[in-house]
Protein backbone atom coordinates (compact mmCIF):
# COMPACT_ATOMS: atom_id res chain seq x y z
CA MET A 1 13.91 -6.82 -33.10
CA LEU A 2 10.68 -8.97 -32.56
CA GLY A 3 7.71 -8.09 -34.75
CA THR A 4 4.71 -7.48 -32.60
CA ARG A 5 3.42 -11.00 -33.68
CA GLU A 6 6.37 -12.64 -32.61
CA ARG A 7 6.03 -13.01 -29.03
CA THR A 8 8.40 -14.58 -26.40
CA LEU A 9 8.07 -15.44 -22.64
CA LEU A 10 10.75 -15.51 -20.33
CA LEU A 11 10.66 -19.27 -19.76
CA GLU A 12 11.01 -20.00 -23.33
CA ASN A 13 14.33 -18.00 -22.96
CA LEU A 14 15.68 -19.66 -20.38
CA ARG A 15 15.53 -23.26 -22.04
CA PRO A 16 18.76 -24.90 -22.61
CA PRO A 17 20.08 -24.92 -26.35
CA ALA A 18 19.37 -28.76 -27.69
CA GLY A 19 21.82 -31.23 -26.05
CA TYR A 20 22.79 -28.99 -23.24
CA ARG A 21 21.70 -28.93 -19.63
CA LEU A 22 21.88 -25.92 -16.88
CA GLN A 23 24.78 -25.71 -15.02
CA ARG A 24 24.26 -22.38 -13.54
CA ALA A 25 21.83 -19.51 -13.47
CA VAL A 26 22.06 -15.87 -11.70
CA GLY A 27 19.24 -13.47 -12.38
CA THR A 28 18.53 -10.19 -11.23
CA SER A 29 15.29 -8.39 -10.33
CA PHE A 30 13.66 -5.33 -9.00
CA THR A 31 10.48 -7.06 -7.88
CA LEU A 32 10.16 -10.44 -7.42
CA ASP A 33 7.35 -12.98 -7.06
CA LEU A 34 8.10 -16.15 -5.69
CA MET A 35 5.55 -18.35 -7.43
CA ALA A 36 7.45 -17.02 -10.78
CA LEU A 37 10.54 -18.19 -9.29
CA LEU A 38 9.19 -21.44 -8.16
CA THR A 39 7.98 -22.11 -11.79
CA ALA A 40 11.44 -21.18 -13.81
CA PRO A 41 13.12 -24.28 -13.14
CA LEU A 42 10.55 -26.02 -15.09
CA ALA A 43 12.41 -24.46 -18.11
CA PHE A 44 15.34 -26.03 -17.56
CA THR A 45 13.88 -29.80 -17.35
CA PHE A 46 10.57 -30.36 -19.16
CA PHE A 47 10.03 -28.71 -22.66
CA ASP A 48 6.51 -30.66 -22.91
CA ALA A 49 5.53 -28.88 -19.53
CA HIS A 50 4.58 -25.84 -21.24
CA ASP A 51 1.97 -25.02 -23.27
CA GLU A 52 2.51 -23.46 -26.86
CA ASP A 53 2.59 -19.88 -25.39
CA GLY A 54 5.68 -20.91 -22.87
CA ALA A 55 3.47 -20.85 -19.90
CA PRO A 56 4.00 -23.25 -17.57
CA LEU A 57 1.55 -26.15 -17.07
CA ALA A 58 -0.07 -27.33 -13.76
CA ASP A 59 1.94 -30.76 -13.64
CA PRO A 60 2.88 -31.24 -10.06
CA VAL A 61 5.13 -34.16 -10.94
CA ALA A 62 7.13 -32.00 -13.38
CA LEU A 63 7.40 -29.13 -10.81
CA LEU A 64 8.74 -31.42 -8.17
CA GLU A 65 11.39 -32.94 -10.50
CA ALA A 66 12.25 -29.67 -11.66
CA LEU A 67 12.85 -28.16 -8.45
CA ARG A 68 14.63 -31.36 -7.29
CA ARG A 69 17.07 -31.03 -10.18
CA HIS A 70 17.63 -27.34 -10.71
CA ALA A 71 16.63 -25.20 -7.57
CA GLU A 72 20.17 -25.15 -6.23
CA LYS A 73 21.58 -24.17 -9.36
CA VAL A 74 19.44 -21.27 -9.38
CA THR A 75 20.19 -17.63 -7.82
CA LEU A 76 18.04 -14.76 -8.16
CA PHE A 77 19.28 -11.45 -6.76
CA CYS A 78 16.40 -8.89 -6.02
CA GLN A 79 15.72 -5.25 -4.52
CA ALA A 80 14.97 -5.60 -0.28
CA GLY A 81 11.43 -5.02 0.49
CA ALA A 82 10.24 -5.78 -3.17
CA ILE A 83 9.09 -9.33 -2.82
CA SER A 84 5.54 -9.70 -3.30
CA VAL A 85 3.77 -11.82 -0.31
CA PRO A 86 2.70 -15.22 -1.61
CA SER A 87 -0.64 -16.71 -1.13
CA PRO A 88 -0.56 -19.08 2.06
CA ASP A 89 -0.16 -22.59 2.21
CA GLN A 90 2.69 -22.65 -0.64
CA ILE A 91 4.68 -25.77 0.61
CA LEU A 92 7.12 -25.98 -2.15
CA LEU A 93 8.75 -22.56 -1.12
CA ALA A 94 10.89 -24.27 0.99
CA TYR A 95 12.72 -25.10 -1.95
CA LEU A 96 13.57 -21.29 -2.72
CA GLU A 97 15.16 -20.46 0.38
CA GLY A 98 18.50 -20.37 -0.99
CA SER A 99 17.95 -19.17 -3.92
CA VAL A 100 16.90 -15.59 -2.97
CA ILE A 101 19.31 -13.04 -2.18
CA GLU A 102 17.73 -9.69 -1.04
CA VAL A 103 20.33 -6.52 -1.88
CA GLU A 104 20.16 -2.89 -1.40
CA PRO A 105 22.58 -0.39 -2.90
CA LYS A 106 25.43 0.88 -0.98
CA LEU A 107 25.67 4.09 -2.46
CA GLY A 108 23.97 6.70 -4.00
CA GLY A 109 20.53 6.12 -2.38
CA GLY A 110 18.70 4.33 -5.11
CA ILE A 111 17.24 0.99 -5.97
CA PHE A 112 18.61 -2.38 -7.08
CA HIS A 113 17.02 -2.10 -10.72
CA PRO A 114 18.41 -4.38 -13.46
CA LYS A 115 16.72 -7.21 -14.84
CA VAL A 116 19.72 -9.24 -16.23
CA TRP A 117 20.24 -13.23 -16.61
CA VAL A 118 23.45 -14.97 -16.83
CA LEU A 119 22.86 -18.67 -17.81
CA ASN A 120 25.69 -21.39 -17.96
CA PHE A 121 24.90 -24.23 -20.01
CA GLU A 122 27.14 -27.48 -20.51
CA SER A 123 27.25 -30.55 -22.33
CA THR A 124 29.37 -33.56 -23.01
CA GLU A 125 29.77 -32.82 -26.73
CA GLY A 126 30.60 -29.30 -27.21
CA PRO A 127 32.15 -26.06 -25.42
CA ALA A 128 29.92 -24.50 -22.88
CA ILE A 129 27.47 -22.06 -23.75
CA TYR A 130 26.67 -18.78 -22.07
CA ARG A 131 23.22 -16.85 -22.54
CA ILE A 132 22.66 -13.48 -21.35
CA LEU A 133 18.89 -11.85 -21.10
CA CYS A 134 18.73 -8.02 -20.80
CA LEU A 135 15.17 -7.27 -20.08
CA SER A 136 12.76 -4.65 -18.97
CA ARG A 137 10.50 -6.83 -16.94
CA ASN A 138 10.79 -8.25 -13.59
CA LEU A 139 10.57 -11.86 -12.73
CA THR A 140 6.62 -11.46 -12.40
CA PHE A 141 3.66 -13.00 -13.80
CA ALA A 142 2.87 -9.53 -15.38
CA ARG A 143 1.64 -9.58 -19.10
CA ALA A 144 2.71 -5.92 -19.90
CA TRP A 145 4.46 -5.00 -22.86
CA ASP A 146 8.55 -5.42 -22.29
CA THR A 147 11.88 -6.18 -23.95
CA CYS A 148 14.11 -8.81 -24.03
CA LEU A 149 17.52 -8.82 -25.57
CA ARG A 150 19.15 -12.14 -25.79
CA LEU A 151 22.93 -12.90 -26.26
CA GLU A 152 24.52 -16.13 -26.51
CA GLY A 153 27.90 -17.54 -27.34
CA ASP A 154 30.75 -20.22 -27.12
CA LEU A 155 33.20 -20.22 -24.17
CA LYS A 156 36.52 -19.92 -26.01
CA GLU A 157 39.53 -21.24 -24.34
CA GLU A 158 41.50 -18.37 -25.73
CA GLY A 159 39.03 -15.72 -25.69
CA ASN A 160 39.04 -12.41 -24.17
CA TYR A 161 36.31 -10.02 -25.20
CA SER A 162 36.69 -6.60 -23.33
CA ARG A 163 33.19 -5.80 -24.13
CA ASN A 164 31.74 -8.42 -21.72
CA GLU A 165 33.43 -6.88 -19.00
CA PRO A 166 30.19 -5.06 -17.44
CA PHE A 167 28.49 -8.38 -17.20
CA ALA A 168 31.42 -9.66 -15.32
CA ASP A 169 31.46 -6.91 -12.87
CA LEU A 170 27.99 -7.42 -12.10
CA LEU A 171 28.42 -10.65 -11.07
CA LEU A 172 31.29 -10.08 -9.14
CA GLN A 173 29.77 -6.89 -7.21
CA LEU A 174 26.49 -8.61 -6.28
CA PRO A 175 27.68 -10.53 -2.94
CA GLY A 176 28.77 -6.78 -1.90
CA LEU A 177 25.29 -5.52 -2.55
CA ALA A 178 23.82 -8.29 -0.35
CA ILE A 179 22.10 -7.31 3.00
CA ARG A 180 23.17 -10.41 4.67
CA GLU A 181 26.90 -12.29 4.06
CA THR A 182 26.82 -14.72 0.76
CA GLY A 183 28.10 -18.38 1.40
CA PRO A 184 31.41 -19.46 -0.16
CA GLU A 185 30.19 -21.67 -2.71
CA LEU A 186 27.78 -19.24 -4.37
CA ARG A 187 30.75 -16.57 -4.19
CA GLU A 188 32.93 -19.00 -6.01
CA ASP A 189 30.40 -19.61 -8.97
CA LEU A 190 30.40 -16.22 -9.47
CA GLU A 191 33.76 -15.62 -9.58
CA ARG A 192 34.04 -18.54 -12.03
CA MET A 193 31.27 -17.27 -14.39
CA ALA A 194 32.71 -13.62 -14.25
CA ASP A 195 35.91 -15.11 -15.44
CA GLU A 196 34.39 -17.28 -18.42
CA VAL A 197 32.09 -14.46 -19.34
CA ARG A 198 34.92 -12.67 -20.39
CA GLN A 199 36.10 -15.50 -22.63
CA VAL A 200 32.30 -15.59 -24.51
CA ASP A 201 32.37 -14.55 -28.04
CA PHE A 202 28.35 -13.35 -27.71
CA LYS A 203 26.92 -12.77 -31.31
CA THR A 204 25.18 -9.40 -31.94
CA PRO A 205 21.68 -9.93 -32.79
CA ARG A 206 20.65 -8.75 -36.35
CA PRO A 207 20.26 -6.54 -38.06
CA PHE A 208 22.44 -4.92 -35.84
CA THR A 209 26.38 -5.04 -36.03
CA ASP A 210 27.97 -4.66 -32.48
CA PHE A 211 27.04 -4.00 -28.78
CA LYS A 212 28.24 -2.49 -25.75
CA VAL A 213 27.16 -2.84 -21.96
CA HIS A 214 26.52 0.03 -19.75
CA SER A 215 26.15 -0.78 -16.15
CA LEU A 216 24.90 2.38 -14.03
CA GLY A 217 25.23 2.89 -9.95
CA LEU A 218 27.88 -0.34 -9.23
CA SER A 219 30.75 1.17 -7.02
CA GLY A 220 28.40 4.55 -6.88
CA SER A 221 29.29 4.95 -10.61
CA HIS A 222 26.70 6.98 -12.78
CA VAL A 223 27.79 8.12 -16.44
CA TRP A 224 25.36 9.63 -18.88
CA PRO A 225 25.22 6.90 -21.65
CA PHE A 226 23.45 8.43 -24.47
CA PRO A 227 24.83 10.13 -27.48
CA THR A 228 24.29 13.13 -29.22
CA ALA A 229 21.74 12.83 -32.27
CA GLY A 230 20.21 14.60 -34.86
CA ARG A 231 16.54 12.64 -33.99
CA SER A 232 15.56 10.27 -31.31
CA LEU A 233 12.77 8.07 -29.88
CA ALA A 234 12.16 7.06 -26.20
CA ILE A 235 9.75 4.45 -24.85
CA SER A 236 9.60 4.54 -20.91
CA PRO A 237 6.41 3.67 -18.69
CA PHE A 238 7.96 6.11 -15.93
CA LEU A 239 9.09 9.90 -16.29
CA ALA A 240 10.84 12.68 -15.06
CA GLY A 241 10.52 16.00 -16.60
CA SER A 242 14.16 17.22 -16.28
CA THR A 243 15.29 14.15 -18.08
CA VAL A 244 12.54 14.18 -20.83
CA ARG A 245 13.27 18.16 -21.27
CA GLY A 246 17.14 17.15 -21.40
CA LEU A 247 16.47 14.21 -24.23
CA VAL A 248 14.61 16.82 -25.98
CA ARG A 249 17.24 19.79 -25.98
CA GLN A 250 20.17 18.08 -26.26
CA HIS A 251 19.20 14.52 -28.10
CA GLY A 252 16.60 15.61 -30.67
CA LEU A 253 13.87 13.70 -28.91
CA GLU A 254 11.06 13.39 -31.52
CA VAL A 255 9.02 10.59 -30.50
CA LEU A 256 8.14 9.44 -26.93
CA ILE A 257 6.18 6.74 -26.01
CA SER A 258 4.55 6.34 -22.47
CA ARG A 259 1.76 6.16 -20.26
CA PRO A 260 -0.81 9.07 -19.87
CA GLU A 261 -0.45 9.46 -16.14
CA ALA A 262 3.40 9.72 -16.67
CA PHE A 263 3.07 12.63 -19.47
CA ALA A 264 0.32 14.17 -16.92
CA ASP A 265 3.07 14.24 -14.09
CA VAL A 266 5.65 15.77 -16.43
CA VAL A 267 3.17 18.51 -17.49
CA ARG A 268 2.42 19.14 -13.83
CA ARG A 269 5.72 19.29 -12.77
CA ILE A 270 7.71 21.05 -15.54
CA GLY A 271 5.12 21.91 -18.04
CA ILE A 272 3.81 20.87 -21.39
CA GLU A 273 6.67 22.42 -23.42
CA ALA A 274 9.14 19.78 -21.87
CA LEU A 275 7.84 17.21 -23.78
CA PRO A 276 8.38 16.33 -27.51
CA ARG A 277 6.18 17.27 -30.38
CA THR A 278 4.98 13.77 -30.75
CA CYS A 279 3.63 11.61 -27.92
CA TYR A 280 2.12 8.26 -28.19
CA VAL A 281 0.33 5.78 -25.64
CA LEU A 282 -0.84 2.13 -26.36
CA SER A 283 -3.80 1.80 -27.94
CA SER A 284 -6.83 0.32 -26.54
CA GLY A 285 -6.45 -2.59 -28.88
CA ALA A 286 -2.80 -3.17 -27.67
CA GLY A 287 -4.35 -5.76 -25.36
CA LEU A 288 -5.37 -8.30 -27.46
CA ASP A 289 -2.99 -11.35 -28.02
CA ALA A 290 -1.27 -11.23 -31.69
CA ARG A 291 -3.12 -13.97 -32.94
CA ASP A 292 -6.50 -12.59 -32.01
CA ALA A 293 -5.95 -9.06 -33.64
CA GLU A 294 -7.26 -10.46 -36.65
CA GLU A 295 -10.31 -12.12 -35.50
CA GLU A 296 -11.45 -9.56 -32.83
CA GLY A 297 -15.15 -9.51 -34.14
CA GLU A 298 -16.47 -11.44 -30.99
CA GLU A 299 -16.31 -10.65 -27.38
CA GLN A 300 -16.39 -13.40 -24.64
CA PRO A 301 -20.05 -13.16 -22.25
CA ASP A 302 -18.67 -10.43 -19.73
CA GLY A 303 -17.72 -8.35 -22.62
CA GLN A 304 -13.95 -8.70 -22.39
CA PRO A 305 -12.13 -9.01 -25.68
CA PRO A 306 -11.04 -12.66 -26.50
CA VAL A 307 -7.67 -13.82 -24.99
CA GLU A 308 -6.15 -16.94 -26.22
CA ASP A 309 -5.10 -19.26 -23.56
CA GLY A 310 -5.90 -16.78 -20.79
CA ILE A 311 -2.84 -14.43 -22.04
CA GLU A 312 -3.32 -10.68 -22.83
CA LEU A 313 -0.46 -8.28 -23.02
CA SER A 314 -1.34 -4.89 -21.45
CA GLY A 315 0.04 -1.85 -20.03
CA LEU A 316 3.66 -0.58 -20.91
CA HIS A 317 6.51 -1.76 -19.21
CA ALA A 318 9.19 -1.66 -22.06
CA LYS A 319 12.24 0.80 -21.84
CA LEU A 320 13.86 1.82 -25.01
CA PHE A 321 16.06 4.16 -26.12
CA LEU A 322 16.99 4.96 -29.97
CA PHE A 323 19.47 7.75 -31.23
CA GLU A 324 19.89 8.46 -34.97
CA ASN A 325 23.11 10.01 -36.20
CA GLY A 326 23.27 10.14 -40.01
CA PRO A 327 23.50 6.68 -41.52
CA GLU A 328 23.96 5.08 -37.99
CA THR A 329 21.73 4.22 -35.32
CA ARG A 330 22.21 3.43 -31.55
CA LEU A 331 19.52 1.77 -29.68
CA PHE A 332 19.44 1.14 -25.84
CA THR A 333 17.46 -1.46 -24.20
CA GLY A 334 17.55 -2.67 -20.74
CA SER A 335 16.24 -1.60 -17.25
CA ALA A 336 16.44 2.11 -16.86
CA ASN A 337 13.35 4.50 -17.36
CA ALA A 338 13.85 8.25 -18.55
CA THR A 339 14.05 9.27 -15.08
CA GLY A 340 16.95 11.11 -13.00
CA ALA A 341 17.07 8.13 -10.38
CA ALA A 342 17.99 5.81 -13.17
CA TYR A 343 21.13 7.84 -14.01
CA HIS A 344 22.04 9.10 -11.04
CA ALA A 345 21.21 6.82 -8.26
CA ASN A 346 19.69 3.32 -8.96
CA VAL A 347 21.59 0.20 -10.07
CA GLU A 348 20.72 -0.36 -13.77
CA VAL A 349 22.01 -2.18 -16.58
CA LEU A 350 21.45 -0.84 -20.43
CA VAL A 351 22.84 -2.66 -23.56
CA GLU A 352 23.97 -0.56 -26.91
CA LEU A 353 22.96 -2.00 -30.08
CA VAL A 354 24.62 -0.29 -33.20
CA GLY A 355 22.94 -0.53 -36.55
CA LYS A 356 22.39 1.20 -39.83
CA THR A 357 19.67 3.81 -39.70
CA LYS A 358 17.70 2.36 -42.62
CA HIS A 359 17.37 -1.09 -40.67
CA CYS A 360 17.48 0.21 -37.20
CA GLY A 361 16.18 3.40 -37.20
CA ILE A 362 12.84 5.11 -36.06
CA ASP A 363 10.81 4.53 -38.99
CA ALA A 364 12.39 0.92 -39.08
CA LEU A 365 10.87 0.57 -35.46
CA LEU A 366 7.53 2.08 -35.71
CA GLY A 367 6.70 1.11 -39.30
CA LEU A 368 5.68 3.30 -41.85
CA GLU A 369 1.99 4.82 -41.39
CA GLU A 370 0.98 3.73 -44.74
CA ASP A 371 2.12 0.18 -43.77
CA PRO A 372 -0.90 -2.04 -44.09
CA LYS A 373 0.65 -4.74 -42.01
CA LEU A 374 -0.54 -5.03 -38.61
CA GLU A 375 2.37 -6.15 -36.95
CA THR A 376 4.21 -2.80 -37.00
CA LEU A 377 4.94 -0.98 -33.57
CA ARG A 378 3.18 1.97 -34.61
CA SER A 379 -0.46 -0.23 -35.52
CA LEU A 380 -0.85 -0.71 -31.19
CA LEU A 381 -0.04 3.09 -30.71
CA GLN A 382 -2.30 6.04 -30.74
CA GLU A 383 -1.17 9.91 -30.52
CA TYR A 384 -1.56 11.30 -27.24
CA HIS A 385 -2.12 14.99 -26.40
CA PRO A 386 -1.41 15.68 -22.78
CA PRO A 387 -3.58 17.92 -21.37
CA THR A 388 -2.01 21.64 -20.35
CA CYS A 389 -3.73 21.61 -16.78
CA PRO A 390 -3.63 17.82 -15.41
CA GLY A 391 -4.90 18.86 -12.11
CA PRO A 392 -3.34 18.20 -8.48
CA PRO A 393 -1.55 14.81 -7.87
CA PRO A 394 -3.21 12.28 -5.74
CA CYS A 395 -3.59 12.97 -2.41
CA HIS A 396 -1.64 9.81 -1.21
CA ARG A 397 1.93 10.39 -3.09
CA GLU A 398 3.63 11.69 -0.05
CA LEU A 399 2.32 8.89 2.03
CA GLU A 400 3.35 6.51 -0.60
CA ARG A 401 6.82 7.85 -0.35
CA GLU A 402 6.80 7.88 3.48
CA SER A 403 5.84 4.48 3.31
CA ASP A 404 8.45 3.38 0.63
CA ARG A 405 11.12 4.92 3.10
CA LEU A 406 9.78 2.38 5.95
CA VAL A 407 9.58 -0.75 3.71
CA ARG A 408 13.36 -0.23 2.59
CA MET A 409 14.39 0.30 6.29
CA LEU A 410 12.71 -2.80 7.40
CA ALA A 411 13.48 -4.88 4.42
CA ALA A 412 17.35 -3.82 4.81
CA VAL A 413 17.60 -5.46 8.30
CA PRO A 414 19.23 -9.42 8.52
CA LEU A 415 16.79 -11.40 10.28
CA LYS A 416 16.82 -14.83 12.07
CA ALA A 417 13.94 -17.22 12.20
CA THR A 418 14.27 -19.81 15.27
CA ALA A 419 12.56 -22.93 14.97
CA GLN A 420 12.00 -24.91 18.23
CA HIS A 421 10.07 -28.52 18.25
CA VAL A 422 7.40 -28.28 20.95
CA ASP A 423 5.72 -31.45 21.23
CA ALA A 424 5.42 -34.55 19.72
CA GLU A 425 2.40 -33.55 17.21
CA GLU A 426 5.31 -32.17 15.12
CA LEU A 427 4.30 -28.50 16.25
CA TRP A 428 6.98 -25.40 16.37
CA ASP A 429 7.62 -22.17 17.75
CA ILE A 430 9.26 -19.87 15.52
CA THR A 431 10.93 -16.85 16.88
CA LEU A 432 12.06 -13.95 14.54
CA SER A 433 14.63 -11.78 15.78
CA GLY A 434 16.91 -8.74 14.34
CA GLU A 435 17.99 -5.16 15.00
CA LEU A 436 14.82 -3.24 13.54
CA PRO A 437 15.05 0.32 13.16
CA GLU A 438 12.94 2.39 15.38
CA ILE A 439 9.53 2.73 13.97
CA PRO A 440 7.33 6.04 14.11
CA GLU A 441 4.32 5.90 16.30
CA GLY A 442 2.28 6.63 13.10
CA PRO A 443 2.54 3.73 10.80
CA LYS A 444 1.40 0.41 11.95
CA VAL A 445 3.50 -2.63 11.08
CA LYS A 446 2.56 -6.09 11.11
CA VAL A 447 4.67 -9.68 10.42
CA TRP A 448 3.65 -13.18 10.03
CA PRO A 449 4.82 -16.13 8.30
CA ALA A 450 4.22 -16.19 4.73
CA THR A 451 3.16 -19.98 4.73
CA LEU A 452 0.17 -18.43 6.98
CA PRO A 453 -2.69 -16.37 5.80
CA SER A 454 -2.40 -12.85 6.93
CA LYS A 455 -4.89 -12.98 10.06
CA ALA A 456 -1.89 -14.82 11.61
CA ALA A 457 -0.47 -11.55 11.57
CA LEU A 458 1.38 -9.56 15.22
CA ARG A 459 1.90 -5.93 15.19
CA ILE A 460 5.59 -4.79 15.77
CA ASP A 461 5.07 -1.06 16.33
CA GLY A 462 7.70 0.58 17.92
CA LEU A 463 11.31 -0.60 18.88
CA GLY A 464 11.46 -3.02 22.18
CA LYS A 465 8.76 -0.69 24.24
CA ALA A 466 5.98 -1.82 22.07
CA ARG A 467 6.79 -5.56 21.06
CA HIS A 468 3.66 -8.14 21.25
CA GLU A 469 3.62 -9.72 24.35
CA SER A 470 4.13 -13.26 22.99
CA VAL A 471 8.12 -12.58 22.82
CA GLU A 472 9.01 -13.79 26.45
CA ALA A 473 11.70 -13.11 28.69
CA ALA A 474 14.14 -16.24 27.65
CA GLU A 475 14.04 -15.46 24.07
CA PRO A 476 16.81 -13.25 22.34
CA THR A 477 17.45 -9.63 23.36
CA ASP A 478 16.52 -8.67 19.75
CA ALA A 479 13.46 -10.97 19.11
CA ILE A 480 10.83 -9.31 17.39
CA VAL A 481 7.87 -11.77 17.60
CA THR A 482 7.30 -15.66 18.40
CA PHE A 483 4.42 -17.73 16.48
CA LYS A 484 3.38 -20.40 18.26
CA ARG A 485 2.51 -24.08 17.47
CA MET A 486 2.89 -23.98 13.88
CA SER A 487 2.92 -27.04 11.94
CA PHE A 488 6.01 -28.57 10.36
CA GLU A 489 4.79 -27.68 6.80
CA ALA A 490 4.40 -23.84 7.84
CA LEU A 491 8.08 -23.79 8.92
CA THR A 492 9.53 -21.30 6.78
CA ALA A 493 12.17 -18.50 6.04
CA PHE A 494 9.92 -16.18 4.26
CA PHE A 495 7.94 -13.79 6.32
CA ALA A 496 5.48 -11.29 5.22
CA PHE A 497 5.07 -7.91 6.51
CA GLU A 498 2.43 -4.84 6.09
CA VAL A 499 3.10 -1.40 6.64
CA SER A 500 0.06 0.92 6.48
CA LEU A 501 -0.19 4.56 7.23
CA GLN A 502 -3.29 6.95 7.11
CA GLU A 503 -3.33 10.57 6.89
CA GLU A 504 -7.20 12.07 7.13
CA GLN A 505 -8.85 10.20 4.39
CA CYS A 506 -6.22 8.93 2.63
CA GLU A 507 -4.34 5.30 3.41
CA VAL A 508 -1.40 3.54 1.69
CA ARG A 509 -0.97 0.01 2.73
CA GLN A 510 2.00 -2.10 1.50
CA ARG A 511 2.73 -5.58 1.88
CA PHE A 512 6.21 -7.38 1.17
CA ALA A 513 7.90 -10.36 1.84
CA VAL A 514 11.72 -11.01 3.25
CA THR A 515 14.29 -14.07 3.86
CA ALA A 516 15.32 -14.85 7.08
CA GLU A 517 18.12 -17.04 8.26
CA LEU A 518 16.28 -20.24 9.40
CA VAL A 519 18.13 -22.05 11.75
CA GLY A 520 16.85 -25.10 14.30
CA ALA A 521 14.70 -26.49 11.23
CA PRO A 522 15.07 -30.29 9.91
CA GLU A 523 17.82 -30.82 7.53
CA ASN A 524 15.16 -32.92 5.62
CA ARG A 525 12.53 -30.58 5.57
CA SER A 526 12.28 -29.97 1.78
CA GLY A 527 12.11 -33.79 1.10
CA CYS A 528 8.86 -33.96 3.74
CA CYS A 529 7.42 -31.05 2.02
CA ALA A 530 7.68 -32.45 -1.24
CA ARG A 531 6.01 -35.47 0.27
CA SER A 532 3.19 -33.23 1.72
CA PHE A 533 2.53 -31.59 -1.74
CA ARG A 534 2.38 -34.88 -3.24
CA ILE A 535 -0.28 -35.80 -0.94
CA ALA A 536 -2.28 -32.64 -1.23
CA THR A 537 -2.06 -32.78 -5.04
CA GLY A 538 -2.98 -36.60 -5.00
CA CYS A 539 -0.15 -37.28 -7.00
CA SER A 540 1.36 -39.81 -4.41
CA ASN A 541 1.58 -42.97 -6.21
CA SER A 542 3.21 -41.24 -9.58
CA CYS A 543 5.68 -39.25 -7.47
CA SER A 544 6.99 -41.82 -5.20
CA SER A 545 10.05 -42.40 -7.09
CA TYR A 546 11.02 -38.66 -6.02
């Protein structure tokens, strides 16, 4: 386990071992920031393209070369409807159109929530290496407190490690969750990686002595993973009162670390008696960079605390469950929150680590109260006393649920974007088509190419009867909208949607991006977009060889 001063960023954990290069990377995420995925190939190419904290530097030459070498080797599966809308004019998004695959769980009614990376590295001088990252964080630029478990090992020719089977099963089942059919090359890669993962001798990180993998929700299967315990601790940013009460009554939950609003929701729905006797939230100082913690005397001119290199850790997003049973402790880390949906509906992945209580128990994790060191987890926390009467829930909660349902319905539809060249000025029409579900009259729905600003959006309320007038009779019967006279650089497979609902004084608005099957665009489009990017960034001379 990392101390609170031993920070690591996701890009750092994606870097190949010395002497190795990336052969294939497959990742999963609930939410996705396309710009975060765009910078991920930097980790596989340029070690000097990162600052000392692992954040990517603004080097267009490095970014172009990284994308050219590695974009086709990276595939990211994410929940349909959970891709954030990028800022417009992001020319290089063309490189990612084959890297993003949206999925929707077929059973259980839950969401696709695992945060796992399976990395395959190769070398001419040694055996293949596999690295698996089991995280609590999504692929975004969020700076919240999260957890990252890193398992790494060599591929053994005669290896057969049954404990790796859930990782192999996840790889094999991903294509079946996709909202559109995946290509044969990707399926072959996933089958090869699944076979090889079973033959990898992953080393258990110290001070733990063994590990076990729990995948929930695949094939609709949900098994409660937690053992009985004398005492336990949980860290979860989201809570369900019934789940917390069950942990208290059946698993000896003594310490719960969460957010004030999550505690208030449990009290509101179940009552304060559902909570354990000790509750913590992050202290106000937990947002400081660790190396600033001992220098927090000065503030910046705007009154904000100092942050080194613009990086500040704030908010809680970690998920961790720890169970003590005498001299043995079991720690679970991964994607699952302390909610009913996590264990009865969602697709989730947790890794169970086994160790000795004196090294891995609650006291070892938190640090002793009298410990003068600042790097203990306890030093980042403050005890929290939930209010007995937290007040009514926000008025927009039901609207948010309705909006979520509509977003998932829209995002689960396979879409096609048909590009047509209209004149010699390199202008194009692009028609978005697909069998959308019937949209109720209340919500307003807009769509626009993600490479354009939102002012280019067209409304698509209703199904057929209320389509935008730009859809012409000659277009496909399932045409939704047509965007006229777009520039070559604006052609894209990514489309942004906006769903808005209003009830009296409450309004909820959600934006998300989807990927469409792009047809009719030139085959060399990514290369042309790269040239446009070089011109726009002023690196046309230094990049001319790419």
